[in-house]
């Protein structure tokens, strides 16, 4: 399965960055409840492991909150690669806004 790897720098504490990203995830889930299903999410320290289905595609990955950056890695089906640049733009925009 192809991967999407993104990194966003921040100047927050790890705990504050984690809390902001957890709030962002909850907001995104609420806004997209009709389009996103089978959502699973689990925080272990500063790493959030997630999976969901959207537009018929299964997506899984992780968000690691580090001291000065957040690293997002997602596995997407080959058939979803045509949406890769859009997904990258959306994830980066939302993460940057949450971490400002």
C-alpha atoms as a PDB file:
ATOM      1  CA  UNK A   1       0.000   0.000   0.000  1.00  0.00           C
ATOM      2  CA  UNK A   2       1.377   3.459  -0.859  1.00  0.00           C
ATOM      3  CA  UNK A   3       2.252   5.826   1.977  1.00  0.00           C
ATOM      4  CA  UNK A   4       1.748   9.497   2.579  1.00  0.00           C
ATOM      5  CA  UNK A   5       4.324  11.014   4.946  1.00  0.00           C
ATOM      6  CA  UNK A   6       4.000  14.580   6.191  1.00  0.00           C
ATOM      7  CA  UNK A   7       5.730  16.696   8.803  1.00  0.00           C
ATOM      8  CA  UNK A   8       4.514  19.893  10.460  1.00  0.00           C
ATOM      9  CA  UNK A   9       6.776  21.969  12.716  1.00  0.00           C
ATOM     10  CA  UNK A  10       5.369  23.544  15.870  1.00  0.00           C
ATOM     11  CA  UNK A  11       6.506  25.614  18.843  1.00  0.00           C
ATOM     12  CA  UNK A  12       4.144  24.147  21.438  1.00  0.00           C
ATOM     13  CA  UNK A  13       4.801  21.707  24.234  1.00  0.00           C
ATOM     14  CA  UNK A  14       4.249  18.090  23.240  1.00  0.00           C
ATOM     15  CA  UNK A  15       1.216  17.912  25.521  1.00  0.00           C
ATOM     16  CA  UNK A  16      -0.391  21.066  24.068  1.00  0.00           C
ATOM     17  CA  UNK A  17       0.234  19.860  20.506  1.00  0.00           C
ATOM     18  CA  UNK A  18      -1.302  16.481  21.362  1.00  0.00           C
ATOM     19  CA  UNK A  19      -4.391  18.100  22.895  1.00  0.00           C
ATOM     20  CA  UNK A  20      -4.896  20.373  19.896  1.00  0.00           C
ATOM     21  CA  UNK A  21      -4.592  17.477  17.459  1.00  0.00           C
ATOM     22  CA  UNK A  22      -7.006  15.371  19.514  1.00  0.00           C
ATOM     23  CA  UNK A  23      -9.539  18.246  19.348  1.00  0.00           C
ATOM     24  CA  UNK A  24      -8.945  18.567  15.605  1.00  0.00           C
ATOM     25  CA  UNK A  25      -9.573  14.844  15.118  1.00  0.00           C
ATOM     26  CA  UNK A  26     -12.846  15.091  17.047  1.00  0.00           C
ATOM     27  CA  UNK A  27     -13.964  18.090  14.950  1.00  0.00           C
ATOM     28  CA  UNK A  28     -13.087  16.330  11.683  1.00  0.00           C
ATOM     29  CA  UNK A  29     -14.979  13.203  12.778  1.00  0.00           C
ATOM     30  CA  UNK A  30     -18.055  15.279  13.639  1.00  0.00           C
ATOM     31  CA  UNK A  31     -17.995  17.220  10.351  1.00  0.00           C
ATOM     32  CA  UNK A  32     -17.528  14.106   8.221  1.00  0.00           C
ATOM     33  CA  UNK A  33     -19.671  11.601  10.089  1.00  0.00           C
ATOM     34  CA  UNK A  34     -21.758  10.890   6.986  1.00  0.00           C
ATOM     35  CA  UNK A  35     -18.744  10.253   4.754  1.00  0.00           C
ATOM     36  CA  UNK A  36     -16.284   8.555   7.083  1.00  0.00           C
ATOM     37  CA  UNK A  37     -17.031   5.201   8.730  1.00  0.00           C
ATOM     38  CA  UNK A  38     -15.327   2.466  10.729  1.00  0.00           C
ATOM     39  CA  UNK A  39     -13.261   5.012  12.650  1.00  0.00           C
ATOM     40  CA  UNK A  40     -10.757   3.633  15.149  1.00  0.00           C
ATOM     41  CA  UNK A  41      -8.309   5.769  17.097  1.00  0.00           C
ATOM     42  CA  UNK A  42      -5.957   4.988  19.953  1.00  0.00           C
ATOM     43  CA  UNK A  43      -3.425   7.230  21.683  1.00  0.00           C
ATOM     44  CA  UNK A  44      -0.356   5.608  23.247  1.00  0.00           C
ATOM     45  CA  UNK A  45       1.678   8.388  24.794  1.00  0.00           C
ATOM     46  CA  UNK A  46       2.297  10.871  21.993  1.00  0.00           C
ATOM     47  CA  UNK A  47       1.421   8.509  19.135  1.00  0.00           C
ATOM     48  CA  UNK A  48      -2.106   8.264  17.764  1.00  0.00           C
ATOM     49  CA  UNK A  49      -2.822   5.196  15.643  1.00  0.00           C
ATOM     50  CA  UNK A  50      -5.929   5.480  13.477  1.00  0.00           C
ATOM     51  CA  UNK A  51      -7.941   3.839  10.734  1.00  0.00           C
ATOM     52  CA  UNK A  52     -11.142   4.673   8.862  1.00  0.00           C
ATOM     53  CA  UNK A  53     -13.038   4.190   5.611  1.00  0.00           C
ATOM     54  CA  UNK A  54     -13.795   7.141   3.326  1.00  0.00           C
ATOM     55  CA  UNK A  55     -15.282   7.065  -0.157  1.00  0.00           C
ATOM     56  CA  UNK A  56     -14.988   3.285  -0.073  1.00  0.00           C
ATOM     57  CA  UNK A  57     -11.256   3.372   0.681  1.00  0.00           C
ATOM     58  CA  UNK A  58      -9.606   2.024   3.836  1.00  0.00           C
ATOM     59  CA  UNK A  59      -6.986   4.329   5.332  1.00  0.00           C
ATOM     60  CA  UNK A  60      -4.716   3.693   8.296  1.00  0.00           C
ATOM     61  CA  UNK A  61      -1.805   5.471   9.843  1.00  0.00           C
ATOM     62  CA  UNK A  62      -0.323   7.297  12.761  1.00  0.00           C
ATOM     63  CA  UNK A  63       0.303  10.776  14.107  1.00  0.00           C
ATOM     64  CA  UNK A  64       3.430  11.175  16.219  1.00  0.00           C
ATOM     65  CA  UNK A  65       3.731  14.335  18.287  1.00  0.00           C
ATOM     66  CA  UNK A  66       7.397  15.153  18.769  1.00  0.00           C
ATOM     67  CA  UNK A  67       8.921  18.072  20.652  1.00  0.00           C
ATOM     68  CA  UNK A  68       9.138  20.383  17.638  1.00  0.00           C
ATOM     69  CA  UNK A  69       7.168  18.613  14.929  1.00  0.00           C
ATOM     70  CA  UNK A  70       4.259  16.344  14.195  1.00  0.00           C
ATOM     71  CA  UNK A  71       4.788  13.445  11.808  1.00  0.00           C
ATOM     72  CA  UNK A  72       1.781  12.000   9.985  1.00  0.00           C
ATOM     73  CA  UNK A  73       2.051   8.714   8.116  1.00  0.00           C
ATOM     74  CA  UNK A  74      -0.886   7.218   6.242  1.00  0.00           C
ATOM     75  CA  UNK A  75      -1.296   4.065   4.194  1.00  0.00           C
ATOM     76  CA  UNK A  76      -3.749   4.480   1.341  1.00  0.00           C
ATOM     77  CA  UNK A  77      -4.908   2.019  -1.298  1.00  0.00           C
ATOM     78  CA  UNK A  78      -3.333   2.267  -4.729  1.00  0.00           C
ATOM     79  CA  UNK A  79      -6.729   3.231  -6.165  1.00  0.00           C
ATOM     80  CA  UNK A  80      -6.793   6.311  -3.906  1.00  0.00           C
ATOM     81  CA  UNK A  81      -3.483   7.735  -5.145  1.00  0.00           C
ATOM     82  CA  UNK A  82      -5.321  10.114  -7.460  1.00  0.00           C
ATOM     83  CA  UNK A  83      -6.439  11.923  -4.267  1.00  0.00           C
ATOM     84  CA  UNK A  84      -2.933  12.030  -2.745  1.00  0.00           C
ATOM     85  CA  UNK A  85      -2.138  15.706  -3.358  1.00  0.00           C
ATOM     86  CA  UNK A  86      -5.570  16.784  -2.128  1.00  0.00           C
ATOM     87  CA  UNK A  87      -5.210  14.690   1.042  1.00  0.00           C
ATOM     88  CA  UNK A  88      -1.739  16.116   1.672  1.00  0.00           C
ATOM     89  CA  UNK A  89      -2.967  19.704   1.255  1.00  0.00           C
ATOM     90  CA  UNK A  90      -5.952  19.161   3.553  1.00  0.00           C
ATOM     91  CA  UNK A  91      -3.992  17.401   6.283  1.00  0.00           C
ATOM     92  CA  UNK A  92      -1.214  19.997   6.222  1.00  0.00           C
ATOM     93  CA  UNK A  93      -3.640  22.934   6.280  1.00  0.00           C
ATOM     94  CA  UNK A  94      -5.656  21.557   9.204  1.00  0.00           C
ATOM     95  CA  UNK A  95      -2.562  20.519  11.175  1.00  0.00           C
ATOM     96  CA  UNK A  96      -0.850  23.883  10.684  1.00  0.00           C
ATOM     97  CA  UNK A  97      -3.973  25.734  11.774  1.00  0.00           C
ATOM     98  CA  UNK A  98      -4.365  23.554  14.873  1.00  0.00           C
ATOM     99  CA  UNK A  99      -0.718  23.999  15.848  1.00  0.00           C
ATOM    100  CA  UNK A 100      -0.520  27.795  15.419  1.00  0.00           C
END
